Amino acid sequence: SCSIQCSYHGWEFDGRGECARVPQHSKELDRRKASPVPSYPVRVEAGMVWVWSDPDESSWEAAGSIPLPISPLVRNYYDNYGA
């Protein structure tokens, strides 16, 4: 299954935005009680995940076309050495 994990807390969310795992929780999560997380467009550039957090879905198309503020030094480092 596909999920994303918070690198600080370790919480995992599935593709529907539902919390699938909380490592600090000693028993299974009751998914019916967990609130889903809203989804937003993302881009992966230079080893970073960029989130377009505007809740107005009519603006989401712009998320893929706006230049990202990535320093040329960061991009060069990523291109040469990876993440």
N, C-alpha and C. Protein backbone atom coordinates (compact mmCIF):
# COMPACT_ATOMS: atom_id res chain seq x y z
N SER A 1 0.84 -1.18 0.00
CA SER A 1 0.00 0.00 0.00
C SER A 1 0.88 1.24 0.00
N CYS A 2 0.36 2.32 -0.52
CA CYS A 2 1.10 3.57 -0.64
C CYS A 2 0.75 4.47 0.54
N SER A 3 1.77 5.01 1.19
CA SER A 3 1.51 5.91 2.31
C SER A 3 2.63 6.94 2.38
N ILE A 4 2.39 7.98 3.18
CA ILE A 4 3.41 8.98 3.45
C ILE A 4 3.56 9.05 4.96
N GLN A 5 4.81 9.21 5.39
CA GLN A 5 5.10 9.18 6.82
C GLN A 5 5.73 10.50 7.27
N CYS A 6 5.28 11.01 8.40
CA CYS A 6 5.89 12.18 9.02
C CYS A 6 7.23 11.74 9.58
N SER A 7 8.31 12.36 9.13
CA SER A 7 9.64 11.94 9.58
C SER A 7 9.90 12.33 11.04
N TYR A 8 9.11 13.24 11.58
CA TYR A 8 9.29 13.65 12.97
C TYR A 8 8.50 12.76 13.93
N HIS A 9 7.20 12.58 13.66
CA HIS A 9 6.33 11.81 14.55
C HIS A 9 6.23 10.34 14.18
N GLY A 10 6.45 10.03 12.90
CA GLY A 10 6.32 8.65 12.45
C GLY A 10 4.90 8.26 12.06
N TRP A 11 3.96 9.19 12.14
CA TRP A 11 2.58 8.87 11.76
C TRP A 11 2.55 8.60 10.26
N GLU A 12 1.73 7.65 9.85
CA GLU A 12 1.58 7.31 8.43
C GLU A 12 0.16 7.57 7.98
N PHE A 13 0.04 8.13 6.77
CA PHE A 13 -1.25 8.42 6.17
C PHE A 13 -1.33 7.71 4.83
N ASP A 14 -2.50 7.11 4.55
CA ASP A 14 -2.67 6.40 3.29
C ASP A 14 -3.06 7.38 2.18
N GLY A 15 -3.29 6.85 0.98
CA GLY A 15 -3.62 7.67 -0.18
C GLY A 15 -4.94 8.41 -0.07
N ARG A 16 -5.80 8.02 0.87
CA ARG A 16 -7.07 8.71 1.08
C ARG A 16 -6.95 9.79 2.15
N GLY A 17 -5.74 9.93 2.72
CA GLY A 17 -5.53 10.92 3.77
C GLY A 17 -5.91 10.43 5.15
N GLU A 18 -6.18 9.15 5.27
CA GLU A 18 -6.55 8.60 6.57
C GLU A 18 -5.30 8.16 7.32
N CYS A 19 -5.28 8.44 8.62
CA CYS A 19 -4.15 8.03 9.44
C CYS A 19 -4.16 6.50 9.55
N ALA A 20 -3.09 5.89 9.07
CA ALA A 20 -3.03 4.43 9.02
C ALA A 20 -2.20 3.84 10.16
N ARG A 21 -1.28 4.64 10.73
CA ARG A 21 -0.41 4.10 11.77
C ARG A 21 0.14 5.23 12.63
N VAL A 22 0.10 5.01 13.94
CA VAL A 22 0.71 5.91 14.91
C VAL A 22 1.61 5.04 15.78
N PRO A 23 2.94 5.10 15.59
CA PRO A 23 3.84 4.21 16.31
C PRO A 23 3.71 4.31 17.83
N GLN A 24 3.35 5.47 18.35
CA GLN A 24 3.23 5.65 19.78
C GLN A 24 1.95 5.06 20.35
N HIS A 25 1.02 4.66 19.48
CA HIS A 25 -0.26 4.11 19.91
C HIS A 25 -0.09 2.60 20.10
N SER A 26 -0.44 2.10 21.25
CA SER A 26 -0.16 0.70 21.58
C SER A 26 -1.12 -0.30 20.93
N LYS A 27 -2.28 0.15 20.46
CA LYS A 27 -3.21 -0.78 19.84
C LYS A 27 -3.62 -0.27 18.45
N GLU A 28 -4.32 -1.12 17.70
CA GLU A 28 -4.75 -0.76 16.35
C GLU A 28 -5.62 0.49 16.37
N LEU A 29 -5.47 1.32 15.34
CA LEU A 29 -6.30 2.51 15.21
C LEU A 29 -7.70 2.13 14.76
N ASP A 30 -8.69 2.81 15.29
CA ASP A 30 -10.06 2.66 14.80
C ASP A 30 -10.22 3.69 13.69
N ARG A 31 -10.11 3.24 12.45
CA ARG A 31 -10.16 4.16 11.31
C ARG A 31 -11.46 4.93 11.22
N ARG A 32 -12.51 4.40 11.79
CA ARG A 32 -13.79 5.11 11.73
C ARG A 32 -13.75 6.37 12.59
N LYS A 33 -12.90 6.40 13.61
CA LYS A 33 -12.80 7.56 14.50
C LYS A 33 -11.73 8.54 14.05
N ALA A 34 -10.83 8.12 13.19
CA ALA A 34 -9.74 8.99 12.74
C ALA A 34 -10.27 9.95 11.68
N SER A 35 -9.91 11.20 11.79
CA SER A 35 -10.32 12.20 10.82
C SER A 35 -9.37 12.19 9.64
N PRO A 36 -9.90 12.20 8.41
CA PRO A 36 -9.01 12.23 7.25
C PRO A 36 -8.31 13.59 7.13
N VAL A 37 -7.15 13.57 6.56
CA VAL A 37 -6.38 14.78 6.31
C VAL A 37 -6.72 15.25 4.90
N PRO A 38 -6.97 16.54 4.71
CA PRO A 38 -7.26 17.01 3.35
C PRO A 38 -6.07 16.74 2.43
N SER A 39 -6.34 16.49 1.16
CA SER A 39 -5.25 16.27 0.22
C SER A 39 -5.02 17.54 -0.61
N TYR A 40 -3.78 17.73 -0.99
CA TYR A 40 -3.36 18.89 -1.78
C TYR A 40 -2.38 18.42 -2.84
N PRO A 41 -2.25 19.18 -3.93
CA PRO A 41 -1.25 18.83 -4.94
C PRO A 41 0.16 18.94 -4.37
N VAL A 42 1.03 18.05 -4.82
CA VAL A 42 2.43 18.09 -4.39
C VAL A 42 3.34 17.95 -5.61
N ARG A 43 4.57 18.42 -5.44
CA ARG A 43 5.62 18.21 -6.44
C ARG A 43 6.87 17.77 -5.70
N VAL A 44 7.64 16.91 -6.32
CA VAL A 44 8.90 16.49 -5.76
C VAL A 44 9.99 17.09 -6.64
N GLU A 45 10.80 17.94 -6.05
CA GLU A 45 11.90 18.60 -6.76
C GLU A 45 13.11 18.65 -5.84
N ALA A 46 14.27 18.32 -6.37
CA ALA A 46 15.54 18.39 -5.63
C ALA A 46 15.46 17.63 -4.31
N GLY A 47 14.75 16.51 -4.31
CA GLY A 47 14.66 15.68 -3.12
C GLY A 47 13.72 16.19 -2.04
N MET A 48 12.93 17.21 -2.36
CA MET A 48 12.00 17.77 -1.38
C MET A 48 10.57 17.64 -1.90
N VAL A 49 9.63 17.51 -0.98
CA VAL A 49 8.21 17.47 -1.33
C VAL A 49 7.65 18.87 -1.09
N TRP A 50 7.11 19.46 -2.14
CA TRP A 50 6.53 20.80 -2.08
C TRP A 50 5.01 20.65 -2.11
N VAL A 51 4.33 21.25 -1.15
CA VAL A 51 2.88 21.12 -1.01
C VAL A 51 2.21 22.43 -1.39
N TRP A 52 1.23 22.33 -2.30
CA TRP A 52 0.41 23.48 -2.66
C TRP A 52 -0.76 23.47 -1.69
N SER A 53 -0.71 24.32 -0.66
CA SER A 53 -1.67 24.22 0.44
C SER A 53 -2.88 25.13 0.33
N ASP A 54 -3.13 25.68 -0.85
CA ASP A 54 -4.32 26.50 -1.04
C ASP A 54 -5.54 25.59 -1.09
N PRO A 55 -6.50 25.76 -0.19
CA PRO A 55 -7.67 24.88 -0.19
C PRO A 55 -8.61 25.12 -1.39
N ASP A 56 -8.41 26.20 -2.12
CA ASP A 56 -9.25 26.50 -3.29
C ASP A 56 -8.80 25.62 -4.46
N GLU A 57 -9.58 24.59 -4.76
CA GLU A 57 -9.19 23.62 -5.79
C GLU A 57 -9.04 24.26 -7.17
N SER A 58 -9.67 25.41 -7.41
CA SER A 58 -9.55 26.06 -8.72
C SER A 58 -8.12 26.57 -8.95
N SER A 59 -7.32 26.70 -7.90
CA SER A 59 -5.94 27.18 -8.04
C SER A 59 -4.95 26.02 -8.20
N TRP A 60 -5.40 24.80 -8.04
CA TRP A 60 -4.49 23.66 -8.01
C TRP A 60 -3.75 23.43 -9.32
N GLU A 61 -4.34 23.83 -10.43
CA GLU A 61 -3.65 23.64 -11.71
C GLU A 61 -2.33 24.42 -11.75
N ALA A 62 -2.30 25.56 -11.07
CA ALA A 62 -1.09 26.38 -11.03
C ALA A 62 0.04 25.69 -10.27
N ALA A 63 -0.29 24.74 -9.41
CA ALA A 63 0.73 24.07 -8.58
C ALA A 63 1.82 23.41 -9.42
N GLY A 64 1.48 22.94 -10.59
CA GLY A 64 2.46 22.26 -11.43
C GLY A 64 3.27 23.18 -12.32
N SER A 65 2.90 24.44 -12.40
CA SER A 65 3.57 25.32 -13.35
C SER A 65 4.36 26.46 -12.73
N ILE A 66 4.15 26.76 -11.47
CA ILE A 66 4.86 27.86 -10.82
C ILE A 66 6.29 27.43 -10.50
N PRO A 67 7.28 28.26 -10.85
CA PRO A 67 8.67 27.91 -10.51
C PRO A 67 8.86 27.82 -9.00
N LEU A 68 9.60 26.83 -8.58
CA LEU A 68 9.84 26.64 -7.15
C LEU A 68 11.09 27.40 -6.72
N PRO A 69 11.10 27.92 -5.48
CA PRO A 69 12.24 28.71 -4.99
C PRO A 69 13.38 27.83 -4.49
N ILE A 70 13.98 27.11 -5.42
CA ILE A 70 15.08 26.22 -5.04
C ILE A 70 16.40 26.89 -5.41
N SER A 71 17.26 27.02 -4.43
CA SER A 71 18.58 27.62 -4.66
C SER A 71 19.34 26.79 -5.69
N PRO A 72 20.05 27.44 -6.62
CA PRO A 72 20.88 26.70 -7.56
C PRO A 72 21.92 25.82 -6.85
N LEU A 73 22.39 26.25 -5.69
CA LEU A 73 23.34 25.44 -4.93
C LEU A 73 22.69 24.14 -4.44
N VAL A 74 21.45 24.24 -3.97
CA VAL A 74 20.73 23.05 -3.51
C VAL A 74 20.47 22.11 -4.68
N ARG A 75 20.02 22.67 -5.81
CA ARG A 75 19.74 21.83 -6.99
C ARG A 75 21.02 21.15 -7.48
N ASN A 76 22.12 21.88 -7.51
CA ASN A 76 23.39 21.33 -7.95
C ASN A 76 23.84 20.19 -7.02
N TYR A 77 23.72 20.41 -5.72
CA TYR A 77 24.10 19.37 -4.75
C TYR A 77 23.24 18.13 -4.97
N TYR A 78 21.93 18.31 -5.11
CA TYR A 78 21.03 17.16 -5.30
C TYR A 78 21.36 16.43 -6.60
N ASP A 79 21.58 17.19 -7.67
CA ASP A 79 21.90 16.56 -8.96
C ASP A 79 23.20 15.74 -8.90
N ASN A 80 24.15 16.19 -8.09
CA ASN A 80 25.44 15.50 -8.01
C ASN A 80 25.51 14.40 -6.96
N TYR A 81 24.79 14.58 -5.86
CA TYR A 81 24.92 13.64 -4.75
C TYR A 81 23.63 12.96 -4.33
N GLY A 82 22.50 13.40 -4.85
CA GLY A 82 21.22 12.79 -4.47
C GLY A 82 20.75 13.27 -3.11
N ALA A 83 19.75 12.57 -2.61
CA ALA A 83 19.12 13.00 -1.34
C ALA A 83 19.99 12.70 -0.16
